[in-house]
Amino acid sequence: MGVDVDDFWTFIELSRHTGPTQRERETFLGERLGRFSRRHLLDFVQHLSATREPANT
């Protein structure tokens, strides 16, 4: 089983609690995503793209 949309949002929420700055969140996400399998990383990126796409139009 891969990363579903609920897992994605839980992960994003966890990153919020790592610190007040964007740099701290990026560090957290980078470290955690680096541990993901390729499949899980691709699932995460797919959810991220689906979330960001409407904001970019």
N, C-alpha and C. Protein backbone atom coordinates (compact mmCIF):
# COMPACT_ATOMS: atom_id res chain seq x y z
N MET A 1 0.84 -1.18 0.00
CA MET A 1 0.00 0.00 0.00
C MET A 1 0.88 1.24 0.00
N GLY A 2 0.49 2.24 -0.76
CA GLY A 2 1.26 3.46 -0.88
C GLY A 2 0.77 4.55 0.06
N VAL A 3 1.12 5.76 -0.29
CA VAL A 3 0.72 6.93 0.48
C VAL A 3 -0.63 7.39 -0.06
N ASP A 4 -1.67 7.33 0.78
CA ASP A 4 -2.97 7.83 0.32
C ASP A 4 -3.11 9.30 0.71
N VAL A 5 -4.20 9.92 0.30
CA VAL A 5 -4.37 11.35 0.52
C VAL A 5 -4.41 11.71 2.01
N ASP A 6 -4.97 10.83 2.84
CA ASP A 6 -4.98 11.09 4.28
C ASP A 6 -3.56 11.05 4.85
N ASP A 7 -2.76 10.08 4.39
CA ASP A 7 -1.37 10.01 4.82
C ASP A 7 -0.61 11.27 4.41
N PHE A 8 -0.86 11.72 3.18
CA PHE A 8 -0.22 12.93 2.67
C PHE A 8 -0.49 14.11 3.59
N TRP A 9 -1.77 14.34 3.92
CA TRP A 9 -2.11 15.49 4.75
C TRP A 9 -1.61 15.34 6.19
N THR A 10 -1.58 14.12 6.68
CA THR A 10 -1.00 13.89 8.02
C THR A 10 0.48 14.26 8.01
N PHE A 11 1.18 13.87 6.98
CA PHE A 11 2.59 14.18 6.84
C PHE A 11 2.82 15.69 6.76
N ILE A 12 2.00 16.37 5.98
CA ILE A 12 2.11 17.83 5.87
C ILE A 12 1.84 18.48 7.22
N GLU A 13 0.84 18.01 7.92
CA GLU A 13 0.52 18.54 9.25
C GLU A 13 1.69 18.32 10.21
N LEU A 14 2.29 17.17 10.18
CA LEU A 14 3.45 16.90 11.04
C LEU A 14 4.58 17.90 10.76
N SER A 15 4.76 18.25 9.51
CA SER A 15 5.83 19.18 9.17
C SER A 15 5.57 20.56 9.77
N ARG A 16 4.32 20.91 9.95
CA ARG A 16 3.97 22.20 10.57
C ARG A 16 4.46 22.31 12.00
N HIS A 17 4.55 21.18 12.68
CA HIS A 17 4.91 21.18 14.09
C HIS A 17 6.41 21.08 14.33
N THR A 18 7.21 21.07 13.26
CA THR A 18 8.65 20.95 13.42
C THR A 18 9.30 22.28 13.75
N GLY A 19 8.63 23.37 13.45
CA GLY A 19 9.18 24.70 13.74
C GLY A 19 8.44 25.75 12.95
N PRO A 20 8.69 27.00 13.31
CA PRO A 20 7.93 28.09 12.71
C PRO A 20 8.40 28.53 11.32
N THR A 21 9.59 28.12 10.91
CA THR A 21 10.11 28.62 9.64
C THR A 21 9.93 27.62 8.51
N GLN A 22 9.89 28.16 7.31
CA GLN A 22 9.80 27.30 6.13
C GLN A 22 11.03 26.41 6.04
N ARG A 23 12.17 26.93 6.39
CA ARG A 23 13.42 26.14 6.34
C ARG A 23 13.33 24.89 7.23
N GLU A 24 12.78 25.04 8.42
CA GLU A 24 12.63 23.90 9.32
C GLU A 24 11.67 22.86 8.73
N ARG A 25 10.60 23.33 8.13
CA ARG A 25 9.64 22.41 7.50
C ARG A 25 10.28 21.68 6.32
N GLU A 26 11.05 22.43 5.51
CA GLU A 26 11.72 21.82 4.37
C GLU A 26 12.74 20.77 4.82
N THR A 27 13.46 21.07 5.89
CA THR A 27 14.43 20.11 6.42
C THR A 27 13.72 18.85 6.88
N PHE A 28 12.64 19.01 7.62
CA PHE A 28 11.86 17.86 8.08
C PHE A 28 11.38 17.03 6.90
N LEU A 29 10.76 17.70 5.92
CA LEU A 29 10.24 16.97 4.76
C LEU A 29 11.35 16.28 3.98
N GLY A 30 12.47 16.96 3.80
CA GLY A 30 13.59 16.36 3.07
C GLY A 30 14.12 15.12 3.76
N GLU A 31 14.28 15.20 5.07
CA GLU A 31 14.78 14.05 5.81
C GLU A 31 13.79 12.89 5.77
N ARG A 32 12.53 13.17 5.96
CA ARG A 32 11.52 12.10 5.97
C ARG A 32 11.30 11.52 4.58
N LEU A 33 11.22 12.39 3.57
CA LEU A 33 11.00 11.89 2.21
C LEU A 33 12.19 11.07 1.73
N GLY A 34 13.37 11.38 2.22
CA GLY A 34 14.56 10.63 1.86
C GLY A 34 14.51 9.18 2.31
N ARG A 35 13.66 8.89 3.28
CA ARG A 35 13.51 7.52 3.79
C ARG A 35 12.41 6.74 3.07
N PHE A 36 11.62 7.44 2.25
CA PHE A 36 10.52 6.78 1.54
C PHE A 36 11.06 5.87 0.44
N SER A 37 10.32 4.82 0.18
CA SER A 37 10.63 4.00 -1.00
C SER A 37 10.26 4.84 -2.23
N ARG A 38 10.77 4.43 -3.37
CA ARG A 38 10.46 5.16 -4.61
C ARG A 38 8.94 5.24 -4.84
N ARG A 39 8.26 4.13 -4.61
CA ARG A 39 6.81 4.09 -4.82
C ARG A 39 6.10 5.09 -3.91
N HIS A 40 6.47 5.10 -2.64
CA HIS A 40 5.82 6.02 -1.70
C HIS A 40 6.16 7.48 -2.02
N LEU A 41 7.38 7.71 -2.46
CA LEU A 41 7.76 9.07 -2.85
C LEU A 41 6.94 9.54 -4.05
N LEU A 42 6.75 8.66 -5.02
CA LEU A 42 5.94 9.02 -6.19
C LEU A 42 4.49 9.27 -5.80
N ASP A 43 3.97 8.49 -4.87
CA ASP A 43 2.61 8.73 -4.36
C ASP A 43 2.53 10.12 -3.73
N PHE A 44 3.51 10.44 -2.90
CA PHE A 44 3.53 11.74 -2.23
C PHE A 44 3.56 12.87 -3.25
N VAL A 45 4.42 12.75 -4.24
CA VAL A 45 4.54 13.78 -5.28
C VAL A 45 3.24 13.92 -6.06
N GLN A 46 2.57 12.81 -6.32
CA GLN A 46 1.30 12.86 -7.03
C GLN A 46 0.26 13.66 -6.22
N HIS A 47 0.18 13.41 -4.93
CA HIS A 47 -0.76 14.15 -4.08
C HIS A 47 -0.37 15.63 -4.01
N LEU A 48 0.92 15.90 -3.91
CA LEU A 48 1.38 17.29 -3.87
C LEU A 48 1.01 18.02 -5.16
N SER A 49 1.23 17.37 -6.28
CA SER A 49 0.89 17.98 -7.58
C SER A 49 -0.61 18.23 -7.70
N ALA A 50 -1.40 17.27 -7.27
CA ALA A 50 -2.86 17.43 -7.34
C ALA A 50 -3.34 18.56 -6.46
N THR A 51 -2.64 18.79 -5.37
CA THR A 51 -3.01 19.88 -4.46
C THR A 51 -2.58 21.23 -4.99
N ARG A 52 -1.41 21.28 -5.59
CA ARG A 52 -0.86 22.55 -6.06
C ARG A 52 -1.40 22.98 -7.42
N GLU A 53 -1.79 22.04 -8.24
CA GLU A 53 -2.24 22.36 -9.60
C GLU A 53 -3.35 23.42 -9.64
N PRO A 54 -4.41 23.27 -8.85
CA PRO A 54 -5.46 24.30 -8.89
C PRO A 54 -4.96 25.69 -8.48
N ALA A 55 -3.99 25.74 -7.59
CA ALA A 55 -3.46 27.03 -7.15
C ALA A 55 -2.61 27.68 -8.24
N ASN A 56 -2.07 26.89 -9.14
CA ASN A 56 -1.21 27.41 -10.19
C ASN A 56 -1.97 27.87 -11.42
N THR A 57 -3.28 27.68 -11.43
CA THR A 57 -4.05 28.08 -12.63
C THR A 57 -4.81 29.36 -12.37
